[in-house]
All heavy atoms as atom14 arrays in JSON, in Angstrom:
{
  "sequence": "GRIEARVRGYLADNDFLMVDPPGLQRSPGNETHL",
  "atom14_mask": [
    [1, 1, 1, 1, 0, 0, 0, 0, 0, 0, 0, 0, 0, 0],
    [1, 1, 1, 1, 1, 1, 1, 1, 1, 1, 1, 0, 0, 0],
    [1, 1, 1, 1, 1, 1, 1, 1, 0, 0, 0, 0, 0, 0],
    [1, 1, 1, 1, 1, 1, 1, 1, 1, 0, 0, 0, 0, 0],
    [1, 1, 1, 1, 1, 0, 0, 0, 0, 0, 0, 0, 0, 0],
    [1, 1, 1, 1, 1, 1, 1, 1, 1, 1, 1, 0, 0, 0],
    [1, 1, 1, 1, 1, 1, 1, 0, 0, 0, 0, 0, 0, 0],
    [1, 1, 1, 1, 1, 1, 1, 1, 1, 1, 1, 0, 0, 0],
    [1, 1, 1, 1, 0, 0, 0, 0, 0, 0, 0, 0, 0, 0],
    [1, 1, 1, 1, 1, 1, 1, 1, 1, 1, 1, 1, 0, 0],
    [1, 1, 1, 1, 1, 1, 1, 1, 0, 0, 0, 0, 0, 0],
    [1, 1, 1, 1, 1, 0, 0, 0, 0, 0, 0, 0, 0, 0],
    [1, 1, 1, 1, 1, 1, 1, 1, 0, 0, 0, 0, 0, 0],
    [1, 1, 1, 1, 1, 1, 1, 1, 0, 0, 0, 0, 0, 0],
    [1, 1, 1, 1, 1, 1, 1, 1, 0, 0, 0, 0, 0, 0],
    [1, 1, 1, 1, 1, 1, 1, 1, 1, 1, 1, 0, 0, 0],
    [1, 1, 1, 1, 1, 1, 1, 1, 0, 0, 0, 0, 0, 0],
    [1, 1, 1, 1, 1, 1, 1, 1, 0, 0, 0, 0, 0, 0],
    [1, 1, 1, 1, 1, 1, 1, 0, 0, 0, 0, 0, 0, 0],
    [1, 1, 1, 1, 1, 1, 1, 1, 0, 0, 0, 0, 0, 0],
    [1, 1, 1, 1, 1, 1, 1, 0, 0, 0, 0, 0, 0, 0],
    [1, 1, 1, 1, 1, 1, 1, 0, 0, 0, 0, 0, 0, 0],
    [1, 1, 1, 1, 0, 0, 0, 0, 0, 0, 0, 0, 0, 0],
    [1, 1, 1, 1, 1, 1, 1, 1, 0, 0, 0, 0, 0, 0],
    [1, 1, 1, 1, 1, 1, 1, 1, 1, 0, 0, 0, 0, 0],
    [1, 1, 1, 1, 1, 1, 1, 1, 1, 1, 1, 0, 0, 0],
    [1, 1, 1, 1, 1, 1, 0, 0, 0, 0, 0, 0, 0, 0],
    [1, 1, 1, 1, 1, 1, 1, 0, 0, 0, 0, 0, 0, 0],
    [1, 1, 1, 1, 0, 0, 0, 0, 0, 0, 0, 0, 0, 0],
    [1, 1, 1, 1, 1, 1, 1, 1, 0, 0, 0, 0, 0, 0],
    [1, 1, 1, 1, 1, 1, 1, 1, 1, 0, 0, 0, 0, 0],
    [1, 1, 1, 1, 1, 1, 1, 0, 0, 0, 0, 0, 0, 0],
    [1, 1, 1, 1, 1, 1, 1, 1, 1, 1, 0, 0, 0, 0],
    [1, 1, 1, 1, 1, 1, 1, 1, 0, 0, 0, 0, 0, 0]
  ],
  "atom14_positions": [
    [[0.82, -1.19, -0.08], [0.03, -0.05, 0.01], [0.86, 1.28, 0.05], [0.61, 2.27, -0.68], [0.0, 0.0, 0.0], [0.0, 0.0, 0.0], [0.0, 0.0, 0.0], [0.0, 0.0, 0.0], [0.0, 0.0, 0.0], [0.0, 0.0, 0.0], [0.0, 0.0, 0.0], [0.0, 0.0, 0.0], [0.0, 0.0, 0.0], [0.0, 0.0, 0.0]],
    [[1.96, 1.23, 0.72], [2.84, 2.47, 0.79], [3.56, 2.64, -0.67], [3.58, 3.75, -1.04], [3.91, 2.32, 1.89], [3.38, 2.26, 3.23], [4.46, 2.44, 4.27], [5.47, 1.46, 4.3], [5.44, 0.33, 4.9], [4.35, -0.02, 5.67], [6.43, -0.54, 4.88], [0.0, 0.0, 0.0], [0.0, 0.0, 0.0], [0.0, 0.0, 0.0]],
    [[3.92, 1.63, -1.24], [4.49, 1.77, -2.54], [3.39, 2.24, -3.56], [3.78, 3.15, -4.33], [5.05, 0.4, -3.09], [6.17, -0.14, -2.13], [5.45, 0.42, -4.45], [6.55, -1.56, -2.43], [0.0, 0.0, 0.0], [0.0, 0.0, 0.0], [0.0, 0.0, 0.0], [0.0, 0.0, 0.0], [0.0, 0.0, 0.0], [0.0, 0.0, 0.0]],
    [[2.18, 1.67, -3.5], [1.26, 2.24, -4.44], [0.91, 3.7, -4.24], [0.79, 4.41, -5.16], [-0.08, 1.33, -4.18], [-1.23, 1.9, -5.05], [-2.52, 1.06, -4.93], [-2.49, -0.07, -4.44], [-3.59, 1.62, -5.31], [0.0, 0.0, 0.0], [0.0, 0.0, 0.0], [0.0, 0.0, 0.0], [0.0, 0.0, 0.0], [0.0, 0.0, 0.0]],
    [[0.81, 4.2, -3.07], [0.69, 5.45, -2.65], [1.76, 6.44, -3.32], [1.5, 7.49, -3.79], [0.59, 5.75, -1.12], [0.0, 0.0, 0.0], [0.0, 0.0, 0.0], [0.0, 0.0, 0.0], [0.0, 0.0, 0.0], [0.0, 0.0, 0.0], [0.0, 0.0, 0.0], [0.0, 0.0, 0.0], [0.0, 0.0, 0.0], [0.0, 0.0, 0.0]],
    [[3.06, 5.91, -3.09], [4.11, 6.64, -3.64], [4.03, 6.77, -5.22], [4.4, 7.88, -5.85], [5.48, 5.95, -3.31], [5.84, 6.12, -1.83], [6.24, 7.57, -1.38], [6.78, 7.64, -0.12], [8.21, 7.76, 0.2], [9.06, 7.82, -0.76], [8.46, 7.71, 1.39], [0.0, 0.0, 0.0], [0.0, 0.0, 0.0], [0.0, 0.0, 0.0]],
    [[3.69, 5.69, -5.86], [3.56, 5.65, -7.32], [2.5, 6.52, -7.75], [2.64, 7.31, -8.82], [3.34, 4.1, -7.78], [2.96, 4.19, -9.2], [4.57, 3.32, -7.59], [0.0, 0.0, 0.0], [0.0, 0.0, 0.0], [0.0, 0.0, 0.0], [0.0, 0.0, 0.0], [0.0, 0.0, 0.0], [0.0, 0.0, 0.0], [0.0, 0.0, 0.0]],
    [[1.27, 6.49, -7.12], [0.28, 7.34, -7.5], [0.61, 8.84, -7.32], [0.21, 9.66, -8.2], [-1.11, 6.97, -6.76], [-1.63, 5.62, -7.17], [-2.94, 5.42, -6.36], [-3.58, 4.14, -6.7], [-4.38, 3.99, -7.79], [-4.65, 4.93, -8.62], [-4.91, 2.76, -8.07], [0.0, 0.0, 0.0], [0.0, 0.0, 0.0], [0.0, 0.0, 0.0]],
    [[1.37, 9.06, -6.26], [1.85, 10.49, -6.07], [2.7, 10.94, -7.17], [2.65, 12.05, -7.62], [0.0, 0.0, 0.0], [0.0, 0.0, 0.0], [0.0, 0.0, 0.0], [0.0, 0.0, 0.0], [0.0, 0.0, 0.0], [0.0, 0.0, 0.0], [0.0, 0.0, 0.0], [0.0, 0.0, 0.0], [0.0, 0.0, 0.0], [0.0, 0.0, 0.0]],
    [[3.65, 10.04, -7.53], [4.57, 10.49, -8.65], [3.78, 10.72, -9.95], [4.01, 11.65, -10.64], [5.5, 9.25, -8.84], [6.53, 9.47, -10.02], [7.74, 10.13, -9.93], [6.18, 8.99, -11.26], [8.51, 10.3, -11.0], [6.96, 9.08, -12.44], [8.15, 9.88, -12.21], [8.91, 10.1, -13.37], [0.0, 0.0, 0.0], [0.0, 0.0, 0.0]],
    [[2.83, 9.9, -10.31], [2.08, 10.01, -11.52], [1.3, 11.36, -11.44], [1.2, 12.05, -12.45], [1.2, 8.87, -11.79], [1.81, 7.61, -12.04], [0.91, 6.3, -11.93], [2.62, 7.55, -13.31], [0.0, 0.0, 0.0], [0.0, 0.0, 0.0], [0.0, 0.0, 0.0], [0.0, 0.0, 0.0], [0.0, 0.0, 0.0], [0.0, 0.0, 0.0]],
    [[0.68, 11.61, -10.26], [-0.11, 12.94, -10.11], [0.85, 14.12, -10.26], [0.51, 15.1, -10.95], [-0.82, 12.94, -8.84], [0.0, 0.0, 0.0], [0.0, 0.0, 0.0], [0.0, 0.0, 0.0], [0.0, 0.0, 0.0], [0.0, 0.0, 0.0], [0.0, 0.0, 0.0], [0.0, 0.0, 0.0], [0.0, 0.0, 0.0], [0.0, 0.0, 0.0]],
    [[2.05, 14.01, -9.66], [3.04, 15.18, -9.63], [3.45, 15.41, -11.14], [3.97, 16.48, -11.37], [4.2, 14.84, -8.77], [3.71, 14.92, -7.25], [2.62, 15.48, -6.97], [4.52, 14.45, -6.46], [0.0, 0.0, 0.0], [0.0, 0.0, 0.0], [0.0, 0.0, 0.0], [0.0, 0.0, 0.0], [0.0, 0.0, 0.0], [0.0, 0.0, 0.0]],
    [[3.47, 14.42, -11.97], [3.95, 14.51, -13.32], [2.75, 14.64, -14.25], [2.97, 14.42, -15.51], [4.88, 13.33, -13.68], [6.19, 13.46, -13.03], [7.09, 14.14, -13.55], [6.41, 12.92, -11.82], [0.0, 0.0, 0.0], [0.0, 0.0, 0.0], [0.0, 0.0, 0.0], [0.0, 0.0, 0.0], [0.0, 0.0, 0.0], [0.0, 0.0, 0.0]],
    [[1.61, 15.1, -13.78], [0.49, 15.33, -14.75], [-0.16, 14.2, -15.47], [-0.68, 14.38, -16.55], [0.85, 16.47, -15.66], [1.26, 17.79, -14.95], [0.61, 18.06, -13.88], [2.17, 18.49, -15.35], [0.0, 0.0, 0.0], [0.0, 0.0, 0.0], [0.0, 0.0, 0.0], [0.0, 0.0, 0.0], [0.0, 0.0, 0.0], [0.0, 0.0, 0.0]],
    [[-0.02, 12.92, -14.86], [-0.67, 11.8, -15.51], [-2.08, 11.7, -15.09], [-2.41, 11.91, -13.88], [0.07, 10.55, -15.22], [1.39, 10.31, -15.95], [2.62, 10.81, -15.44], [1.35, 9.61, -17.13], [3.75, 10.58, -16.07], [2.53, 9.46, -17.78], [3.75, 9.9, -17.4], [0.0, 0.0, 0.0], [0.0, 0.0, 0.0], [0.0, 0.0, 0.0]],
    [[-2.92, 11.38, -15.95], [-4.4, 11.18, -15.57], [-4.61, 9.71, -15.5], [-4.16, 8.93, -16.35], [-5.19, 11.74, -16.8], [-6.78, 11.57, -16.59], [-7.26, 12.31, -15.47], [-7.42, 11.92, -17.96], [0.0, 0.0, 0.0], [0.0, 0.0, 0.0], [0.0, 0.0, 0.0], [0.0, 0.0, 0.0], [0.0, 0.0, 0.0], [0.0, 0.0, 0.0]],
    [[-5.05, 9.32, -14.32], [-5.37, 7.88, -14.11], [-6.64, 7.47, -14.75], [-7.65, 8.12, -14.6], [-5.5, 7.63, -12.65], [-4.22, 7.87, -11.73], [-2.73, 6.78, -12.31], [-3.38, 5.14, -11.92], [0.0, 0.0, 0.0], [0.0, 0.0, 0.0], [0.0, 0.0, 0.0], [0.0, 0.0, 0.0], [0.0, 0.0, 0.0], [0.0, 0.0, 0.0]],
    [[-6.57, 6.55, -15.63], [-7.7, 5.92, -16.38], [-7.97, 4.53, -15.89], [-7.24, 3.84, -15.31], [-7.47, 6.07, -17.88], [-7.26, 7.53, -18.32], [-6.28, 5.16, -18.41], [0.0, 0.0, 0.0], [0.0, 0.0, 0.0], [0.0, 0.0, 0.0], [0.0, 0.0, 0.0], [0.0, 0.0, 0.0], [0.0, 0.0, 0.0], [0.0, 0.0, 0.0]],
    [[-9.18, 4.1, -16.34], [-9.64, 2.71, -15.85], [-10.19, 1.95, -17.06], [-11.39, 1.86, -17.24], [-10.73, 2.91, -14.81], [-11.13, 1.61, -14.01], [-10.39, 0.72, -14.21], [-12.2, 1.57, -13.46], [0.0, 0.0, 0.0], [0.0, 0.0, 0.0], [0.0, 0.0, 0.0], [0.0, 0.0, 0.0], [0.0, 0.0, 0.0], [0.0, 0.0, 0.0]],
    [[-9.29, 1.3, -17.81], [-9.72, 0.45, -19.01], [-10.5, -0.75, -18.63], [-10.23, -1.23, -17.68], [-8.36, 0.15, -19.7], [-7.41, 1.06, -19.18], [-7.88, 1.35, -17.72], [0.0, 0.0, 0.0], [0.0, 0.0, 0.0], [0.0, 0.0, 0.0], [0.0, 0.0, 0.0], [0.0, 0.0, 0.0], [0.0, 0.0, 0.0], [0.0, 0.0, 0.0]],
    [[-11.48, -1.15, -19.4], [-12.14, -2.35, -19.09], [-11.35, -3.69, -19.37], [-10.51, -3.67, -20.27], [-13.35, -2.33, -20.0], [-12.86, -1.56, -21.24], [-11.92, -0.44, -20.72], [0.0, 0.0, 0.0], [0.0, 0.0, 0.0], [0.0, 0.0, 0.0], [0.0, 0.0, 0.0], [0.0, 0.0, 0.0], [0.0, 0.0, 0.0], [0.0, 0.0, 0.0]],
    [[-11.61, -4.67, -18.54], [-10.79, -5.86, -18.71], [-11.4, -6.76, -19.81], [-10.69, -7.56, -20.4], [0.0, 0.0, 0.0], [0.0, 0.0, 0.0], [0.0, 0.0, 0.0], [0.0, 0.0, 0.0], [0.0, 0.0, 0.0], [0.0, 0.0, 0.0], [0.0, 0.0, 0.0], [0.0, 0.0, 0.0], [0.0, 0.0, 0.0], [0.0, 0.0, 0.0]],
    [[-12.59, -6.6, -20.21], [-13.28, -7.49, -21.13], [-13.18, -6.85, -22.46], [-13.53, -5.7, -22.7], [-14.85, -7.54, -20.73], [-15.6, -8.68, -21.3], [-15.08, -10.0, -20.87], [-17.02, -8.44, -20.95], [0.0, 0.0, 0.0], [0.0, 0.0, 0.0], [0.0, 0.0, 0.0], [0.0, 0.0, 0.0], [0.0, 0.0, 0.0], [0.0, 0.0, 0.0]],
    [[-12.57, -7.58, -23.41], [-12.22, -7.1, -24.81], [-12.52, -8.12, -25.78], [-12.57, -9.36, -25.58], [-10.71, -6.82, -24.8], [-10.12, -5.88, -23.85], [-10.45, -4.31, -24.23], [-10.72, -4.12, -25.42], [-10.67, -3.47, -23.25], [0.0, 0.0, 0.0], [0.0, 0.0, 0.0], [0.0, 0.0, 0.0], [0.0, 0.0, 0.0], [0.0, 0.0, 0.0]],
    [[-12.76, -7.61, -27.12], [-12.81, -8.54, -28.17], [-11.59, -9.24, -28.62], [-11.58, -10.4, -29.0], [-13.28, -7.69, -29.45], [-14.7, -7.32, -29.37], [-15.27, -6.83, -30.79], [-16.67, -6.45, -30.66], [-17.05, -5.26, -30.55], [-16.2, -4.23, -30.35], [-18.4, -4.99, -30.44], [0.0, 0.0, 0.0], [0.0, 0.0, 0.0], [0.0, 0.0, 0.0]],
    [[-10.43, -8.6, -28.29], [-9.17, -9.23, -28.5], [-8.27, -8.97, -27.3], [-8.2, -7.79, -26.83], [-8.4, -8.51, -29.83], [-7.07, -9.07, -29.87], [0.0, 0.0, 0.0], [0.0, 0.0, 0.0], [0.0, 0.0, 0.0], [0.0, 0.0, 0.0], [0.0, 0.0, 0.0], [0.0, 0.0, 0.0], [0.0, 0.0, 0.0], [0.0, 0.0, 0.0]],
    [[-7.63, -10.04, -26.79], [-6.85, -9.87, -25.59], [-5.4, -9.33, -25.82], [-4.72, -9.16, -24.87], [-6.89, -11.23, -24.97], [-6.84, -12.15, -26.26], [-7.7, -11.4, -27.27], [0.0, 0.0, 0.0], [0.0, 0.0, 0.0], [0.0, 0.0, 0.0], [0.0, 0.0, 0.0], [0.0, 0.0, 0.0], [0.0, 0.0, 0.0], [0.0, 0.0, 0.0]],
    [[-4.99, -9.21, -27.06], [-3.7, -8.98, -27.38], [-3.35, -9.98, -28.46], [-3.89, -10.99, -28.46], [0.0, 0.0, 0.0], [0.0, 0.0, 0.0], [0.0, 0.0, 0.0], [0.0, 0.0, 0.0], [0.0, 0.0, 0.0], [0.0, 0.0, 0.0], [0.0, 0.0, 0.0], [0.0, 0.0, 0.0], [0.0, 0.0, 0.0], [0.0, 0.0, 0.0]],
    [[-2.29, -9.68, -29.32], [-2.0, -10.53, -30.36], [-0.41, -10.82, -30.46], [0.19, -10.77, -31.46], [-2.34, -9.89, -31.67], [-3.84, -9.67, -31.79], [-4.36, -8.49, -31.59], [-4.55, -10.71, -32.04], [0.0, 0.0, 0.0], [0.0, 0.0, 0.0], [0.0, 0.0, 0.0], [0.0, 0.0, 0.0], [0.0, 0.0, 0.0], [0.0, 0.0, 0.0]],
    [[0.06, -11.34, -29.35], [1.45, -11.78, -29.28], [1.51, -13.29, -29.15], [0.62, -13.84, -28.38], [2.22, -11.05, -28.04], [2.34, -9.65, -28.27], [3.25, -8.94, -27.14], [4.25, -9.57, -26.75], [2.69, -8.0, -26.61], [0.0, 0.0, 0.0], [0.0, 0.0, 0.0], [0.0, 0.0, 0.0], [0.0, 0.0, 0.0], [0.0, 0.0, 0.0]],
    [[2.34, -13.96, -29.71], [2.44, -15.35, -30.0], [2.19, -16.12, -28.65], [1.5, -17.09, -28.41], [3.59, -15.83, -30.61], [3.69, -15.27, -31.94], [3.62, -17.36, -30.8], [0.0, 0.0, 0.0], [0.0, 0.0, 0.0], [0.0, 0.0, 0.0], [0.0, 0.0, 0.0], [0.0, 0.0, 0.0], [0.0, 0.0, 0.0], [0.0, 0.0, 0.0]],
    [[3.01, -15.7, -27.66], [3.25, -16.48, -26.39], [2.41, -15.97, -25.27], [2.58, -16.41, -24.06], [4.69, -16.59, -26.05], [5.58, -17.25, -27.07], [5.46, -18.47, -27.48], [6.47, -16.57, -27.88], [6.31, -18.68, -28.48], [6.96, -17.59, -28.73], [0.0, 0.0, 0.0], [0.0, 0.0, 0.0], [0.0, 0.0, 0.0], [0.0, 0.0, 0.0]],
    [[1.49, -14.97, -25.56], [0.6, -14.55, -24.46], [-0.78, -15.25, -24.58], [-1.34, -15.36, -25.69], [0.27, -13.01, -24.53], [1.47, -12.16, -24.17], [0.98, -10.69, -24.15], [2.1, -12.56, -22.72], [0.0, 0.0, 0.0], [0.0, 0.0, 0.0], [0.0, 0.0, 0.0], [0.0, 0.0, 0.0], [0.0, 0.0, 0.0], [0.0, 0.0, 0.0]]
  ]
}
C-alpha cells in the first residue's frame, strides 16, 4: 500500500491522468506467447 501511494503520487505530480480501462475485450492482445 505504501508503494502504491508513492507511485500514484509520482504520477499525479507529473500530470498523468489515471484511467480505468475495461478488462473485457474482443481481442486480448496478439502476441504469440501470451
